[in-house]
Amino acid sequence: MKLLMSAASPFVRKVRVTLRELDLLDQVQEVAVTTTPLASDPTVVAANPTGKIPALVRASGPAIYDSRVITRFLNDHVGGKLYPQARIWDVLTLEATADAIMDATVAMTYEARFRSEAMQSSDWVEAQWGKASRCIAAIDSRWMSHLNGPLDMGQIAVACALCYVDLRHDSRGWRNGNDTLAEWHSRFMTRDSMKDTEV
């Protein structure tokens, strides 16, 4: 199998961390591509008609996407424990909350990088940050007992989302007022899978 990817994407990083946590690097080749919202890589488009990464190319069937589909496929592929049935709705909700942080903050990045200055909207950017900051605060106030439990996909997704905020929007200071989450994130970053996928 081949993972079409760009290392800076938080959605890609979530899959790359999953590959390492499930010990699947010998089965999945990571293939770096260059693609943007305005110029999709043809290889990516052939795998995913939206032109978005990540996409997982399989020999046994069509390529699959998006990140949540890929991580669940990989977990099932090896009988992993990242989506435990006993906690499945909590895991999926926490993963969706982390993905919402990624969606909002990637949109902020794209606004600055791919729209002319005259076309950019500071109100729109602040609205996106409002979504992300509310999600971060909700995780800090509601989800810490879950984050401190056995490893699952919710934890991986949250860690990757917060790393992307650090990478592209560090000046926003997401740790302010979210001390418990910040402490958890610092501990989670010591995992080999996180260190190996850092950009």
N, C-alpha and C. Protein backbone atom coordinates (compact mmCIF):
# COMPACT_ATOMS: atom_id res chain seq x y z
N MET A 1 0.85 -1.19 0.00
CA MET A 1 0.00 0.00 0.00
C MET A 1 0.88 1.24 0.00
N LYS A 2 0.31 2.35 -0.50
CA LYS A 2 1.03 3.61 -0.55
C LYS A 2 0.18 4.71 0.07
N LEU A 3 0.80 5.49 0.94
CA LEU A 3 0.14 6.63 1.53
C LEU A 3 0.61 7.90 0.82
N LEU A 4 -0.30 8.56 0.11
CA LEU A 4 0.03 9.83 -0.53
C LEU A 4 -0.08 10.91 0.53
N MET A 5 0.99 11.69 0.72
CA MET A 5 1.08 12.52 1.91
C MET A 5 1.96 13.74 1.73
N SER A 6 1.77 14.69 2.61
CA SER A 6 2.67 15.81 2.82
C SER A 6 2.84 15.95 4.32
N ALA A 7 4.08 15.96 4.78
CA ALA A 7 4.35 15.81 6.21
C ALA A 7 3.76 16.91 7.08
N ALA A 8 3.57 18.10 6.54
CA ALA A 8 3.07 19.21 7.36
C ALA A 8 1.56 19.12 7.63
N SER A 9 0.84 18.33 6.86
CA SER A 9 -0.61 18.22 7.05
C SER A 9 -0.93 17.51 8.36
N PRO A 10 -1.80 18.10 9.20
CA PRO A 10 -2.16 17.42 10.44
C PRO A 10 -2.97 16.16 10.19
N PHE A 11 -3.76 16.13 9.11
CA PHE A 11 -4.52 14.94 8.77
C PHE A 11 -3.58 13.81 8.35
N VAL A 12 -2.55 14.15 7.60
CA VAL A 12 -1.54 13.17 7.23
C VAL A 12 -0.80 12.68 8.45
N ARG A 13 -0.42 13.61 9.33
CA ARG A 13 0.34 13.19 10.51
C ARG A 13 -0.45 12.19 11.34
N LYS A 14 -1.74 12.39 11.44
CA LYS A 14 -2.58 11.44 12.19
C LYS A 14 -2.43 10.03 11.63
N VAL A 15 -2.41 9.91 10.31
CA VAL A 15 -2.24 8.60 9.69
C VAL A 15 -0.82 8.08 9.90
N ARG A 16 0.16 8.95 9.78
CA ARG A 16 1.55 8.52 9.95
C ARG A 16 1.82 8.05 11.38
N VAL A 17 1.25 8.73 12.35
CA VAL A 17 1.38 8.27 13.74
C VAL A 17 0.72 6.91 13.90
N THR A 18 -0.45 6.75 13.30
CA THR A 18 -1.17 5.47 13.37
C THR A 18 -0.33 4.34 12.78
N LEU A 19 0.31 4.59 11.63
CA LEU A 19 1.17 3.57 11.03
C LEU A 19 2.24 3.11 12.00
N ARG A 20 2.81 4.05 12.73
CA ARG A 20 3.88 3.71 13.66
C ARG A 20 3.35 3.02 14.91
N GLU A 21 2.23 3.47 15.41
CA GLU A 21 1.66 2.84 16.61
C GLU A 21 1.19 1.42 16.32
N LEU A 22 0.78 1.16 15.07
CA LEU A 22 0.32 -0.18 14.70
C LEU A 22 1.41 -1.03 14.06
N ASP A 23 2.63 -0.48 13.99
CA ASP A 23 3.78 -1.20 13.43
C ASP A 23 3.50 -1.64 11.99
N LEU A 24 3.08 -0.67 11.16
CA LEU A 24 2.71 -0.97 9.78
C LEU A 24 3.64 -0.35 8.75
N LEU A 25 4.77 0.17 9.17
CA LEU A 25 5.64 0.85 8.21
C LEU A 25 6.20 -0.11 7.16
N ASP A 26 6.25 -1.39 7.46
CA ASP A 26 6.74 -2.36 6.48
C ASP A 26 5.67 -2.72 5.45
N GLN A 27 4.42 -2.29 5.67
CA GLN A 27 3.33 -2.61 4.74
C GLN A 27 2.84 -1.41 3.95
N VAL A 28 3.19 -0.20 4.41
CA VAL A 28 2.69 1.02 3.77
C VAL A 28 3.86 1.94 3.44
N GLN A 29 4.01 2.25 2.16
CA GLN A 29 5.06 3.18 1.72
C GLN A 29 4.53 4.61 1.77
N GLU A 30 5.26 5.49 2.42
CA GLU A 30 4.88 6.89 2.49
C GLU A 30 5.42 7.62 1.25
N VAL A 31 4.53 8.19 0.46
CA VAL A 31 4.91 8.84 -0.79
C VAL A 31 4.60 10.33 -0.67
N ALA A 32 5.63 11.16 -0.62
CA ALA A 32 5.45 12.60 -0.49
C ALA A 32 4.99 13.19 -1.81
N VAL A 33 3.98 14.05 -1.75
CA VAL A 33 3.47 14.74 -2.94
C VAL A 33 3.39 16.23 -2.63
N THR A 34 3.36 17.02 -3.70
CA THR A 34 3.17 18.46 -3.56
C THR A 34 1.83 18.81 -4.16
N THR A 35 0.92 19.25 -3.31
CA THR A 35 -0.44 19.56 -3.77
C THR A 35 -0.96 20.74 -2.97
N THR A 36 -1.77 21.57 -3.60
CA THR A 36 -2.34 22.74 -2.93
C THR A 36 -3.82 22.84 -3.28
N PRO A 37 -4.58 23.69 -2.58
CA PRO A 37 -5.99 23.86 -2.93
C PRO A 37 -6.20 24.39 -4.35
N LEU A 38 -5.17 25.06 -4.89
CA LEU A 38 -5.30 25.65 -6.22
C LEU A 38 -4.66 24.81 -7.32
N ALA A 39 -3.84 23.84 -6.94
CA ALA A 39 -3.13 23.00 -7.92
C ALA A 39 -2.95 21.60 -7.36
N SER A 40 -3.93 20.76 -7.58
CA SER A 40 -3.88 19.40 -7.04
C SER A 40 -2.92 18.53 -7.83
N ASP A 41 -2.14 17.75 -7.13
CA ASP A 41 -1.23 16.81 -7.76
C ASP A 41 -2.05 15.76 -8.51
N PRO A 42 -1.73 15.48 -9.79
CA PRO A 42 -2.50 14.49 -10.56
C PRO A 42 -2.53 13.11 -9.90
N THR A 43 -1.45 12.74 -9.23
CA THR A 43 -1.42 11.44 -8.55
C THR A 43 -2.47 11.39 -7.44
N VAL A 44 -2.61 12.52 -6.75
CA VAL A 44 -3.59 12.58 -5.67
C VAL A 44 -5.01 12.55 -6.26
N VAL A 45 -5.24 13.32 -7.31
CA VAL A 45 -6.56 13.36 -7.94
C VAL A 45 -6.97 11.98 -8.44
N ALA A 46 -6.00 11.22 -8.95
CA ALA A 46 -6.31 9.87 -9.42
C ALA A 46 -6.78 8.97 -8.28
N ALA A 47 -6.29 9.26 -7.09
CA ALA A 47 -6.66 8.44 -5.93
C ALA A 47 -7.88 8.99 -5.21
N ASN A 48 -8.00 10.32 -5.17
CA ASN A 48 -9.08 10.98 -4.44
C ASN A 48 -9.60 12.13 -5.30
N PRO A 49 -10.81 12.07 -5.80
CA PRO A 49 -11.30 13.10 -6.72
C PRO A 49 -11.33 14.50 -6.12
N THR A 50 -11.32 14.61 -4.79
CA THR A 50 -11.26 15.94 -4.18
C THR A 50 -9.87 16.56 -4.28
N GLY A 51 -8.86 15.73 -4.59
CA GLY A 51 -7.49 16.22 -4.66
C GLY A 51 -6.84 16.43 -3.31
N LYS A 52 -7.47 15.91 -2.26
CA LYS A 52 -6.95 16.13 -0.90
C LYS A 52 -6.12 14.94 -0.43
N ILE A 53 -5.21 15.24 0.49
CA ILE A 53 -4.43 14.22 1.17
C ILE A 53 -4.86 14.18 2.63
N PRO A 54 -4.65 12.99 3.25
CA PRO A 54 -4.01 11.78 2.75
C PRO A 54 -4.98 10.92 1.92
N ALA A 55 -4.37 10.08 1.09
CA ALA A 55 -5.10 9.04 0.39
C ALA A 55 -4.27 7.77 0.47
N LEU A 56 -4.93 6.65 0.68
CA LEU A 56 -4.24 5.37 0.80
C LEU A 56 -4.54 4.53 -0.43
N VAL A 57 -3.51 4.27 -1.22
CA VAL A 57 -3.65 3.47 -2.44
C VAL A 57 -3.45 2.01 -2.09
N ARG A 58 -4.43 1.20 -2.46
CA ARG A 58 -4.39 -0.23 -2.15
C ARG A 58 -4.32 -1.05 -3.43
N ALA A 59 -3.64 -2.19 -3.36
CA ALA A 59 -3.60 -3.09 -4.50
C ALA A 59 -4.90 -3.86 -4.65
N SER A 60 -5.64 -4.02 -3.55
CA SER A 60 -6.81 -4.88 -3.54
C SER A 60 -8.12 -4.15 -3.82
N GLY A 61 -8.06 -2.85 -4.05
CA GLY A 61 -9.30 -2.12 -4.29
C GLY A 61 -9.03 -0.66 -4.51
N PRO A 62 -10.08 0.15 -4.63
CA PRO A 62 -9.89 1.58 -4.85
C PRO A 62 -9.14 2.23 -3.69
N ALA A 63 -8.50 3.34 -3.97
CA ALA A 63 -7.87 4.12 -2.91
C ALA A 63 -8.94 4.60 -1.93
N ILE A 64 -8.54 4.75 -0.67
CA ILE A 64 -9.49 5.21 0.34
C ILE A 64 -9.01 6.52 0.95
N TYR A 65 -9.95 7.29 1.44
CA TYR A 65 -9.73 8.61 2.02
C TYR A 65 -11.01 8.91 2.79
N ASP A 66 -11.10 9.84 3.74
CA ASP A 66 -10.11 10.76 4.22
C ASP A 66 -9.37 10.13 5.39
N SER A 67 -8.76 10.97 6.26
CA SER A 67 -7.91 10.43 7.32
C SER A 67 -8.67 9.51 8.26
N ARG A 68 -9.92 9.85 8.59
CA ARG A 68 -10.68 9.01 9.52
C ARG A 68 -10.99 7.64 8.93
N VAL A 69 -11.22 7.60 7.63
CA VAL A 69 -11.45 6.31 6.98
C VAL A 69 -10.16 5.50 6.96
N ILE A 70 -9.05 6.16 6.65
CA ILE A 70 -7.77 5.46 6.55
C ILE A 70 -7.35 4.89 7.90
N THR A 71 -7.45 5.70 8.96
CA THR A 71 -6.99 5.21 10.26
C THR A 71 -7.85 4.04 10.74
N ARG A 72 -9.13 4.11 10.47
CA ARG A 72 -9.99 3.00 10.89
C ARG A 72 -9.69 1.75 10.07
N PHE A 73 -9.44 1.92 8.78
CA PHE A 73 -9.07 0.78 7.93
C PHE A 73 -7.78 0.14 8.44
N LEU A 74 -6.77 0.95 8.72
CA LEU A 74 -5.50 0.41 9.19
C LEU A 74 -5.65 -0.31 10.52
N ASN A 75 -6.44 0.26 11.41
CA ASN A 75 -6.66 -0.38 12.70
C ASN A 75 -7.33 -1.74 12.53
N ASP A 76 -8.36 -1.80 11.67
CA ASP A 76 -9.04 -3.07 11.43
C ASP A 76 -8.14 -4.06 10.70
N HIS A 77 -7.28 -3.53 9.83
CA HIS A 77 -6.38 -4.37 9.04
C HIS A 77 -5.50 -5.25 9.91
N VAL A 78 -5.09 -4.74 11.06
CA VAL A 78 -4.20 -5.51 11.94
C VAL A 78 -4.86 -5.89 13.27
N GLY A 79 -6.18 -5.67 13.37
CA GLY A 79 -6.85 -5.97 14.62
C GLY A 79 -6.37 -5.11 15.77
N GLY A 80 -6.14 -3.83 15.49
CA GLY A 80 -5.64 -2.91 16.50
C GLY A 80 -6.68 -2.53 17.54
N LYS A 81 -6.25 -1.72 18.50
CA LYS A 81 -7.13 -1.33 19.62
C LYS A 81 -7.36 0.18 19.67
N LEU A 82 -7.17 0.86 18.55
CA LEU A 82 -7.30 2.31 18.55
C LEU A 82 -8.75 2.77 18.48
N TYR A 83 -9.66 1.86 18.13
CA TYR A 83 -11.09 2.16 18.12
C TYR A 83 -11.81 1.13 18.98
N PRO A 84 -11.61 1.15 20.29
CA PRO A 84 -12.21 0.13 21.16
C PRO A 84 -13.73 0.22 21.19
N GLN A 85 -14.39 -0.89 20.97
CA GLN A 85 -15.85 -0.89 20.87
C GLN A 85 -16.51 -0.39 22.14
N ALA A 86 -15.92 -0.67 23.27
CA ALA A 86 -16.53 -0.27 24.55
C ALA A 86 -16.59 1.25 24.71
N ARG A 87 -15.72 1.96 24.01
CA ARG A 87 -15.66 3.42 24.11
C ARG A 87 -15.79 4.09 22.75
N ILE A 88 -16.40 3.40 21.79
CA ILE A 88 -16.31 3.83 20.40
C ILE A 88 -16.90 5.22 20.17
N TRP A 89 -18.02 5.55 20.80
CA TRP A 89 -18.65 6.84 20.53
C TRP A 89 -17.84 7.99 21.12
N ASP A 90 -17.23 7.75 22.27
CA ASP A 90 -16.34 8.76 22.83
C ASP A 90 -15.11 8.96 21.96
N VAL A 91 -14.54 7.87 21.50
CA VAL A 91 -13.35 7.96 20.65
C VAL A 91 -13.67 8.72 19.36
N LEU A 92 -14.77 8.36 18.71
CA LEU A 92 -15.14 9.01 17.46
C LEU A 92 -15.47 10.49 17.65
N THR A 93 -16.12 10.82 18.76
CA THR A 93 -16.44 12.22 19.02
C THR A 93 -15.19 13.03 19.29
N LEU A 94 -14.28 12.47 20.06
CA LEU A 94 -13.03 13.18 20.34
C LEU A 94 -12.21 13.34 19.06
N GLU A 95 -12.18 12.31 18.23
CA GLU A 95 -11.47 12.42 16.95
C GLU A 95 -12.12 13.49 16.07
N ALA A 96 -13.45 13.54 16.05
CA ALA A 96 -14.14 14.56 15.25
C ALA A 96 -13.84 15.96 15.78
N THR A 97 -13.73 16.11 17.09
CA THR A 97 -13.41 17.41 17.68
C THR A 97 -12.00 17.83 17.28
N ALA A 98 -11.06 16.89 17.31
CA ALA A 98 -9.69 17.19 16.88
C ALA A 98 -9.65 17.54 15.40
N ASP A 99 -10.40 16.80 14.59
CA ASP A 99 -10.43 17.09 13.16
C ASP A 99 -11.03 18.47 12.89
N ALA A 100 -11.98 18.89 13.73
CA ALA A 100 -12.55 20.23 13.58
C ALA A 100 -11.50 21.30 13.85
N ILE A 101 -10.62 21.06 14.81
CA ILE A 101 -9.50 21.98 15.05
C ILE A 101 -8.61 22.04 13.81
N MET A 102 -8.33 20.88 13.24
CA MET A 102 -7.51 20.84 12.03
C MET A 102 -8.18 21.59 10.88
N ASP A 103 -9.47 21.32 10.67
CA ASP A 103 -10.20 21.98 9.58
C ASP A 103 -10.12 23.50 9.71
N ALA A 104 -10.38 24.00 10.89
CA ALA A 104 -10.42 25.45 11.11
C ALA A 104 -9.05 26.08 10.95
N THR A 105 -8.03 25.45 11.50
CA THR A 105 -6.70 26.07 11.48
C THR A 105 -6.01 25.90 10.12
N VAL A 106 -6.31 24.81 9.42
CA VAL A 106 -5.82 24.69 8.05
C VAL A 106 -6.48 25.77 7.18
N ALA A 107 -7.77 26.02 7.39
CA ALA A 107 -8.45 27.07 6.64
C ALA A 107 -7.83 28.43 6.90
N MET A 108 -7.41 28.68 8.14
CA MET A 108 -6.72 29.93 8.46
C MET A 108 -5.41 30.04 7.69
N THR A 109 -4.68 28.95 7.64
CA THR A 109 -3.42 28.93 6.90
C THR A 109 -3.65 29.20 5.43
N TYR A 110 -4.64 28.54 4.85
CA TYR A 110 -4.93 28.71 3.43
C TYR A 110 -5.35 30.14 3.11
N GLU A 111 -6.09 30.77 4.00
CA GLU A 111 -6.53 32.14 3.78
C GLU A 111 -5.33 33.06 3.58
N ALA A 112 -4.29 32.83 4.39
CA ALA A 112 -3.09 33.68 4.31
C ALA A 112 -2.20 33.31 3.14
N ARG A 113 -2.16 32.03 2.79
CA ARG A 113 -1.19 31.57 1.80
C ARG A 113 -1.71 31.57 0.37
N PHE A 114 -3.01 31.41 0.19
CA PHE A 114 -3.54 31.19 -1.15
C PHE A 114 -4.55 32.24 -1.61
N ARG A 115 -4.82 33.24 -0.79
CA ARG A 115 -5.68 34.34 -1.20
C ARG A 115 -4.89 35.63 -1.17
N SER A 116 -5.12 36.48 -2.13
CA SER A 116 -4.42 37.76 -2.15
C SER A 116 -4.78 38.56 -0.90
N GLU A 117 -3.91 39.45 -0.51
CA GLU A 117 -4.15 40.23 0.71
C GLU A 117 -5.47 41.00 0.63
N ALA A 118 -5.78 41.49 -0.54
CA ALA A 118 -7.02 42.25 -0.72
C ALA A 118 -8.26 41.39 -0.54
N MET A 119 -8.12 40.09 -0.78
CA MET A 119 -9.25 39.17 -0.69
C MET A 119 -9.41 38.56 0.70
N GLN A 120 -8.40 38.69 1.54
CA GLN A 120 -8.43 38.05 2.84
C GLN A 120 -9.41 38.75 3.78
N SER A 121 -10.04 37.95 4.65
CA SER A 121 -11.01 38.47 5.60
C SER A 121 -10.55 38.16 7.02
N SER A 122 -10.22 39.18 7.78
CA SER A 122 -9.82 38.97 9.17
C SER A 122 -10.99 38.46 10.00
N ASP A 123 -12.21 38.88 9.68
CA ASP A 123 -13.39 38.39 10.40
C ASP A 123 -13.54 36.89 10.20
N TRP A 124 -13.33 36.45 8.96
CA TRP A 124 -13.45 35.02 8.67
C TRP A 124 -12.36 34.23 9.40
N VAL A 125 -11.14 34.75 9.41
CA VAL A 125 -10.04 34.09 10.12
C VAL A 125 -10.36 33.98 11.60
N GLU A 126 -10.86 35.06 12.19
CA GLU A 126 -11.17 35.03 13.62
C GLU A 126 -12.32 34.06 13.91
N ALA A 127 -13.26 33.96 12.99
CA ALA A 127 -14.34 32.99 13.17
C ALA A 127 -13.80 31.56 13.18
N GLN A 128 -12.83 31.29 12.31
CA GLN A 128 -12.21 29.96 12.28
C GLN A 128 -11.46 29.70 13.59
N TRP A 129 -10.74 30.71 14.06
CA TRP A 129 -10.02 30.53 15.33
C TRP A 129 -11.00 30.32 16.48
N GLY A 130 -12.14 30.99 16.41
CA GLY A 130 -13.16 30.77 17.44
C GLY A 130 -13.59 29.32 17.51
N LYS A 131 -13.77 28.69 16.35
CA LYS A 131 -14.12 27.26 16.33
C LYS A 131 -13.03 26.43 16.98
N ALA A 132 -11.79 26.68 16.57
CA ALA A 132 -10.67 25.89 17.09
C ALA A 132 -10.50 26.09 18.59
N SER A 133 -10.56 27.34 19.04
CA SER A 133 -10.33 27.61 20.46
C SER A 133 -11.44 27.03 21.33
N ARG A 134 -12.68 27.04 20.84
CA ARG A 134 -13.77 26.41 21.60
C ARG A 134 -13.56 24.91 21.71
N CYS A 135 -13.11 24.30 20.63
CA CYS A 135 -12.83 22.85 20.66
C CYS A 135 -11.71 22.53 21.65
N ILE A 136 -10.66 23.34 21.64
CA ILE A 136 -9.54 23.12 22.55
C ILE A 136 -10.01 23.25 23.99
N ALA A 137 -10.79 24.29 24.28
CA ALA A 137 -11.30 24.48 25.63
C ALA A 137 -12.22 23.34 26.06
N ALA A 138 -13.02 22.84 25.12
CA ALA A 138 -13.92 21.73 25.44
C ALA A 138 -13.13 20.47 25.78
N ILE A 139 -12.06 20.22 25.04
CA ILE A 139 -11.23 19.05 25.34
C ILE A 139 -10.62 19.18 26.73
N ASP A 140 -10.12 20.38 27.04
CA ASP A 140 -9.49 20.61 28.34
C ASP A 140 -10.49 20.44 29.48
N SER A 141 -11.73 20.83 29.27
CA SER A 141 -12.71 20.81 30.36
C SER A 141 -13.50 19.50 30.44
N ARG A 142 -13.63 18.77 29.33
CA ARG A 142 -14.53 17.62 29.31
C ARG A 142 -13.87 16.27 29.05
N TRP A 143 -12.67 16.28 28.44
CA TRP A 143 -12.16 15.04 27.88
C TRP A 143 -10.84 14.56 28.50
N MET A 144 -10.39 15.20 29.58
CA MET A 144 -9.07 14.83 30.08
C MET A 144 -9.02 13.40 30.64
N SER A 145 -10.09 12.95 31.26
CA SER A 145 -10.06 11.57 31.77
C SER A 145 -9.91 10.58 30.64
N HIS A 146 -10.52 10.90 29.50
CA HIS A 146 -10.38 10.03 28.33
C HIS A 146 -8.95 10.10 27.78
N LEU A 147 -8.40 11.30 27.69
CA LEU A 147 -7.04 11.44 27.15
C LEU A 147 -6.02 10.73 28.02
N ASN A 148 -6.30 10.60 29.30
CA ASN A 148 -5.37 9.94 30.21
C ASN A 148 -5.58 8.44 30.29
N GLY A 149 -6.49 7.91 29.49
CA GLY A 149 -6.75 6.47 29.48
C GLY A 149 -5.86 5.75 28.47
N PRO A 150 -6.21 4.50 28.14
CA PRO A 150 -5.44 3.72 27.17
C PRO A 150 -5.40 4.42 25.81
N LEU A 151 -4.30 4.22 25.07
CA LEU A 151 -4.12 4.87 23.78
C LEU A 151 -5.26 4.52 22.82
N ASP A 152 -5.80 5.57 22.17
CA ASP A 152 -6.80 5.36 21.14
C ASP A 152 -6.68 6.47 20.10
N MET A 153 -7.53 6.41 19.08
CA MET A 153 -7.41 7.37 17.98
C MET A 153 -7.79 8.78 18.40
N GLY A 154 -8.65 8.93 19.39
CA GLY A 154 -8.97 10.27 19.87
C GLY A 154 -7.74 10.99 20.38
N GLN A 155 -6.91 10.28 21.13
CA GLN A 155 -5.69 10.88 21.65
C GLN A 155 -4.73 11.26 20.53
N ILE A 156 -4.54 10.37 19.58
CA ILE A 156 -3.64 10.66 18.46
C ILE A 156 -4.12 11.88 17.69
N ALA A 157 -5.41 11.95 17.42
CA ALA A 157 -5.96 13.07 16.66
C ALA A 157 -5.79 14.39 17.40
N VAL A 158 -6.05 14.40 18.69
CA VAL A 158 -5.90 15.63 19.48
C VAL A 158 -4.44 16.08 19.46
N ALA A 159 -3.52 15.17 19.68
CA ALA A 159 -2.10 15.53 19.69
C ALA A 159 -1.68 16.13 18.35
N CYS A 160 -2.11 15.52 17.25
CA CYS A 160 -1.72 16.02 15.93
C CYS A 160 -2.36 17.38 15.64
N ALA A 161 -3.59 17.58 16.09
CA ALA A 161 -4.25 18.87 15.89
C ALA A 161 -3.51 19.97 16.63
N LEU A 162 -3.15 19.72 17.87
CA LEU A 162 -2.47 20.73 18.67
C LEU A 162 -1.06 21.01 18.12
N CYS A 163 -0.41 20.00 17.61
CA CYS A 163 0.90 20.21 16.99
C CYS A 163 0.79 21.13 15.77
N TYR A 164 -0.30 20.99 15.01
CA TYR A 164 -0.48 21.85 13.85
C TYR A 164 -0.72 23.30 14.28
N VAL A 165 -1.47 23.49 15.35
CA VAL A 165 -1.66 24.84 15.87
C VAL A 165 -0.31 25.43 16.25
N ASP A 166 0.53 24.63 16.89
CA ASP A 166 1.89 25.09 17.23
C ASP A 166 2.68 25.44 15.98
N LEU A 167 2.55 24.64 14.95
CA LEU A 167 3.34 24.82 13.73
C LEU A 167 2.94 26.09 12.99
N ARG A 168 1.65 26.33 12.81
CA ARG A 168 1.19 27.42 11.95
C ARG A 168 0.61 28.63 12.70
N HIS A 169 0.17 28.41 13.94
CA HIS A 169 -0.53 29.50 14.64
C HIS A 169 -0.09 29.60 16.10
N ASP A 170 1.20 29.45 16.31
CA ASP A 170 1.73 29.44 17.67
C ASP A 170 1.41 30.73 18.43
N SER A 171 1.34 31.84 17.72
CA SER A 171 1.09 33.13 18.39
C SER A 171 -0.29 33.18 19.04
N ARG A 172 -1.17 32.27 18.68
CA ARG A 172 -2.50 32.24 19.29
C ARG A 172 -2.48 31.78 20.75
N GLY A 173 -1.41 31.09 21.14
CA GLY A 173 -1.24 30.70 22.55
C GLY A 173 -2.34 29.78 23.07
N TRP A 174 -2.56 28.68 22.39
CA TRP A 174 -3.66 27.78 22.78
C TRP A 174 -3.51 27.24 24.19
N ARG A 175 -2.30 27.21 24.73
CA ARG A 175 -2.09 26.67 26.07
C ARG A 175 -2.65 27.57 27.17
N ASN A 176 -2.81 28.86 26.89
CA ASN A 176 -3.33 29.79 27.89
C ASN A 176 -4.74 29.39 28.31
N GLY A 177 -4.90 29.09 29.59
CA GLY A 177 -6.21 28.67 30.10
C GLY A 177 -6.52 27.21 29.89
N ASN A 178 -5.63 26.49 29.25
CA ASN A 178 -5.83 25.05 29.01
C ASN A 178 -4.65 24.28 29.59
N ASP A 179 -4.36 24.53 30.84
CA ASP A 179 -3.14 24.01 31.46
C ASP A 179 -3.11 22.48 31.51
N THR A 180 -4.23 21.87 31.83
CA THR A 180 -4.25 20.41 31.95
C THR A 180 -3.99 19.75 30.60
N LEU A 181 -4.62 20.28 29.57
CA LEU A 181 -4.41 19.76 28.21
C LEU A 181 -2.96 20.00 27.77
N ALA A 182 -2.41 21.15 28.10
CA ALA A 182 -1.03 21.46 27.74
C ALA A 182 -0.06 20.47 28.39
N GLU A 183 -0.31 20.13 29.63
CA GLU A 183 0.55 19.15 30.32
C GLU A 183 0.43 17.78 29.67
N TRP A 184 -0.78 17.39 29.34
CA TRP A 184 -0.98 16.10 28.67
C TRP A 184 -0.24 16.08 27.32
N HIS A 185 -0.39 17.16 26.56
CA HIS A 185 0.24 17.21 25.24
C HIS A 185 1.75 17.09 25.35
N SER A 186 2.33 17.74 26.33
CA SER A 186 3.77 17.67 26.52
C SER A 186 4.21 16.23 26.78
N ARG A 187 3.45 15.50 27.56
CA ARG A 187 3.78 14.09 27.83
C ARG A 187 3.60 13.24 26.59
N PHE A 188 2.50 13.48 25.85
CA PHE A 188 2.21 12.67 24.67
C PHE A 188 3.28 12.85 23.60
N MET A 189 3.88 14.02 23.55
CA MET A 189 4.90 14.30 22.55
C MET A 189 6.18 13.49 22.74
N THR A 190 6.32 12.82 23.87
CA THR A 190 7.50 11.98 24.10
C THR A 190 7.37 10.62 23.42
N ARG A 191 6.18 10.30 22.89
CA ARG A 191 6.02 9.02 22.19
C ARG A 191 6.89 9.01 20.94
N ASP A 192 7.45 7.85 20.65
CA ASP A 192 8.32 7.72 19.47
C ASP A 192 7.57 8.07 18.19
N SER A 193 6.28 7.71 18.11
CA SER A 193 5.50 7.98 16.90
C SER A 193 5.34 9.47 16.65
N MET A 194 5.27 10.25 17.72
CA MET A 194 5.13 11.70 17.57
C MET A 194 6.49 12.31 17.22
N LYS A 195 7.53 11.86 17.87
CA LYS A 195 8.87 12.41 17.57
C LYS A 195 9.28 12.07 16.14
N ASP A 196 8.91 10.89 15.67
CA ASP A 196 9.32 10.45 14.33
C ASP A 196 8.58 11.18 13.23
N THR A 197 7.44 11.81 13.53
CA THR A 197 6.64 12.48 12.50
C THR A 197 6.68 14.01 12.65
N GLU A 198 7.53 14.50 13.50
CA GLU A 198 7.62 15.95 13.72
C GLU A 198 8.19 16.65 12.51
N VAL A 199 7.65 17.83 12.18
CA VAL A 199 8.16 18.62 11.05
C VAL A 199 8.71 19.94 11.56
